[in-house]
C-alpha cells in the first residue's frame, strides 16, 4: 500500500508527519504491506478517541502542497517503533 497525499499526489514518506493532536506529531518510517510504521521515541499510548482534541491524521509537508492534513488511509494498521 502507498501513502499518497490527496491534495498534491506526494508519496515521499519523509515529507509526511503523523499527527495525534495539536501538539504531538511523529515521523513516518515506512509502509510494510498494510502496516504504517511510525517513529515513537516516547509514550505510544493510543489516543483517547472520545476526546474532541484527538484527531489522528497525516500531514503532507511537500513543497507547494497547501492541502494540509488528511485521514490515515483506511486499511492501514499503525505500528509505533521506538
Protein backbone atom coordinates (compact mmCIF):
# COMPACT_ATOMS: atom_id res chain seq x y z
CA UNK A 1 0.00 0.00 0.00
CA UNK A 2 1.24 3.52 -0.75
CA UNK A 3 0.56 6.62 1.34
CA UNK A 4 -0.43 9.37 -1.09
CA UNK A 5 -1.43 12.95 -0.34
CA UNK A 6 -4.91 13.52 -1.78
CA UNK A 7 -4.09 17.20 -2.28
CA UNK A 8 -0.80 17.11 -4.22
CA UNK A 9 -0.10 13.43 -5.02
CA UNK A 10 3.11 13.28 -2.92
CA UNK A 11 4.22 9.74 -1.91
CA UNK A 12 7.57 10.55 -0.21
CA UNK A 13 7.14 9.35 3.40
CA UNK A 14 9.92 11.70 4.57
CA UNK A 15 7.55 14.58 3.83
CA UNK A 16 4.68 13.30 6.00
CA UNK A 17 4.00 13.52 9.71
CA UNK A 18 1.53 11.51 11.79
CA UNK A 19 -0.42 13.95 13.97
CA UNK A 20 -2.18 12.75 17.09
CA UNK A 21 -3.42 16.14 18.24
CA UNK A 22 -2.37 19.76 18.01
CA UNK A 23 0.86 19.11 19.94
CA UNK A 24 2.08 15.55 19.26
CA UNK A 25 3.46 14.59 15.85
CA UNK A 26 5.62 11.64 14.72
CA UNK A 27 7.68 10.95 11.59
CA UNK A 28 6.64 8.12 9.26
CA UNK A 29 9.20 5.35 8.73
CA UNK A 30 7.80 3.05 6.06
CA UNK A 31 4.82 1.09 4.83
CA UNK A 32 5.21 -2.69 5.07
CA UNK A 33 2.28 -4.44 3.43
CA UNK A 34 -0.73 -2.78 5.08
CA UNK A 35 1.18 -1.55 8.14
CA UNK A 36 2.30 2.07 8.52
CA UNK A 37 5.39 2.16 10.76
CA UNK A 38 5.65 5.38 12.79
CA UNK A 39 8.59 6.72 14.81
CA UNK A 40 7.89 6.68 18.55
CA UNK A 41 10.70 7.86 20.82
CA UNK A 42 8.26 8.40 23.68
CA UNK A 43 4.90 7.19 25.07
CA UNK A 44 2.79 5.42 22.47
CA UNK A 45 -0.41 5.22 24.48
CA UNK A 46 -3.28 5.26 21.98
CA UNK A 47 -5.26 8.47 21.71
CA UNK A 48 -8.47 8.88 23.68
CA UNK A 49 -10.88 8.61 20.76
CA UNK A 50 -13.64 10.30 22.78
CA UNK A 51 -11.58 13.46 23.30
CA UNK A 52 -12.52 16.08 20.68
CA UNK A 53 -8.91 17.38 20.68
CA UNK A 54 -7.68 13.99 19.41
CA UNK A 55 -7.79 13.53 15.67
CA UNK A 56 -5.12 11.12 14.37
CA UNK A 57 -4.25 12.12 10.78
CA UNK A 58 -1.37 12.59 8.35
CA UNK A 59 0.10 15.91 7.28
CA UNK A 60 1.89 16.42 3.97
CA UNK A 61 4.73 18.93 4.12
CA UNK A 62 5.78 18.65 0.46
CA UNK A 63 6.81 21.92 -1.12
CA UNK A 64 3.85 23.56 -2.81
CA UNK A 65 1.24 21.40 -1.07
CA UNK A 66 -1.35 23.59 0.56
CA UNK A 67 -3.82 20.81 1.28
CA UNK A 68 -2.57 20.14 4.78
CA UNK A 69 -3.92 17.16 6.69
CA UNK A 70 -5.91 14.08 5.75
CA UNK A 71 -7.14 10.93 7.49
CA UNK A 72 -4.92 7.87 7.72
CA UNK A 73 -5.86 5.70 4.71
CA UNK A 74 -8.36 3.00 5.66
CA UNK A 75 -6.89 -0.45 5.82
CA UNK A 76 -3.53 0.70 7.24
CA UNK A 77 -2.58 -0.67 10.64
CA UNK A 78 -0.43 1.69 12.77
CA UNK A 79 2.77 0.30 14.31
CA UNK A 80 4.78 2.59 16.63
CA UNK A 81 8.52 1.87 16.53
CA UNK A 82 10.75 3.06 19.39
